[in-house]
C-alpha cells in the first residue's frame, strides 16, 4: 500500500512538472526569473567595480 501511495505521489509530481513546462504561465515565470537574474548581475557588477576602484 505504501508503494502504491508513493508511486501516485511521484506520478503527480512528474505530471505537475510537465504541466508547468507546457503552460503559458511557466513562460511568464521564466521571463520574470531572467529579469531578476539580470538585475542581480548588474548589482553585483556594480559592487565589484566599486570595490576594485578603492
Protein backbone atom coordinates (compact mmCIF):
# COMPACT_ATOMS: atom_id res chain seq x y z
CA UNK A 1 0.00 0.00 0.00
CA UNK A 2 2.86 2.39 0.83
CA UNK A 3 4.47 1.71 -2.54
CA UNK A 4 1.21 2.47 -4.32
CA UNK A 5 0.78 5.79 -2.49
CA UNK A 6 4.42 6.71 -3.17
CA UNK A 7 4.03 5.88 -6.85
CA UNK A 8 0.90 8.02 -7.13
CA UNK A 9 2.69 10.96 -5.48
CA UNK A 10 5.68 10.62 -7.84
CA UNK A 11 3.38 10.47 -10.87
CA UNK A 12 1.53 13.58 -9.68
CA UNK A 13 4.82 15.45 -9.23
CA UNK A 14 6.00 14.46 -12.70
CA UNK A 15 2.63 15.44 -14.17
CA UNK A 16 2.77 18.83 -12.43
CA UNK A 17 6.27 19.41 -13.79
CA UNK A 18 5.23 18.59 -17.35
CA UNK A 19 2.15 20.81 -16.99
CA UNK A 20 4.32 23.71 -15.82
CA UNK A 21 6.68 23.29 -18.76
CA UNK A 22 3.83 23.30 -21.25
CA UNK A 23 1.69 26.00 -19.70
CA UNK A 24 1.98 29.66 -20.71
CA UNK A 25 2.31 30.72 -17.06
CA UNK A 26 5.65 28.89 -16.91
CA UNK A 27 6.93 31.17 -19.67
CA UNK A 28 5.91 34.23 -17.66
CA UNK A 29 7.67 32.86 -14.57
CA UNK A 30 10.80 32.18 -16.64
CA UNK A 31 10.81 35.70 -18.08
CA UNK A 32 10.44 37.21 -14.62
CA UNK A 33 13.23 34.98 -13.29
CA UNK A 34 15.56 36.11 -16.10
CA UNK A 35 14.83 39.76 -15.36
CA UNK A 36 15.59 39.24 -11.66
CA UNK A 37 18.77 37.36 -12.55
CA UNK A 38 19.92 40.23 -14.80
CA UNK A 39 19.21 42.74 -12.02
CA UNK A 40 21.32 40.72 -9.58
CA UNK A 41 24.15 40.52 -12.13
CA UNK A 42 24.07 44.30 -12.63
CA UNK A 43 24.10 44.91 -8.88
CA UNK A 44 26.98 42.50 -8.36
CA UNK A 45 28.95 44.01 -11.24
CA UNK A 46 28.42 47.48 -9.81
CA UNK A 47 29.61 46.37 -6.36
CA UNK A 48 32.67 44.60 -7.78
CA UNK A 49 33.68 47.66 -9.78
CA UNK A 50 33.25 49.96 -6.78
CA UNK A 51 35.42 47.69 -4.66
CA UNK A 52 38.13 47.48 -7.33
CA UNK A 53 38.31 51.28 -7.62
CA UNK A 54 39.08 51.61 -3.89
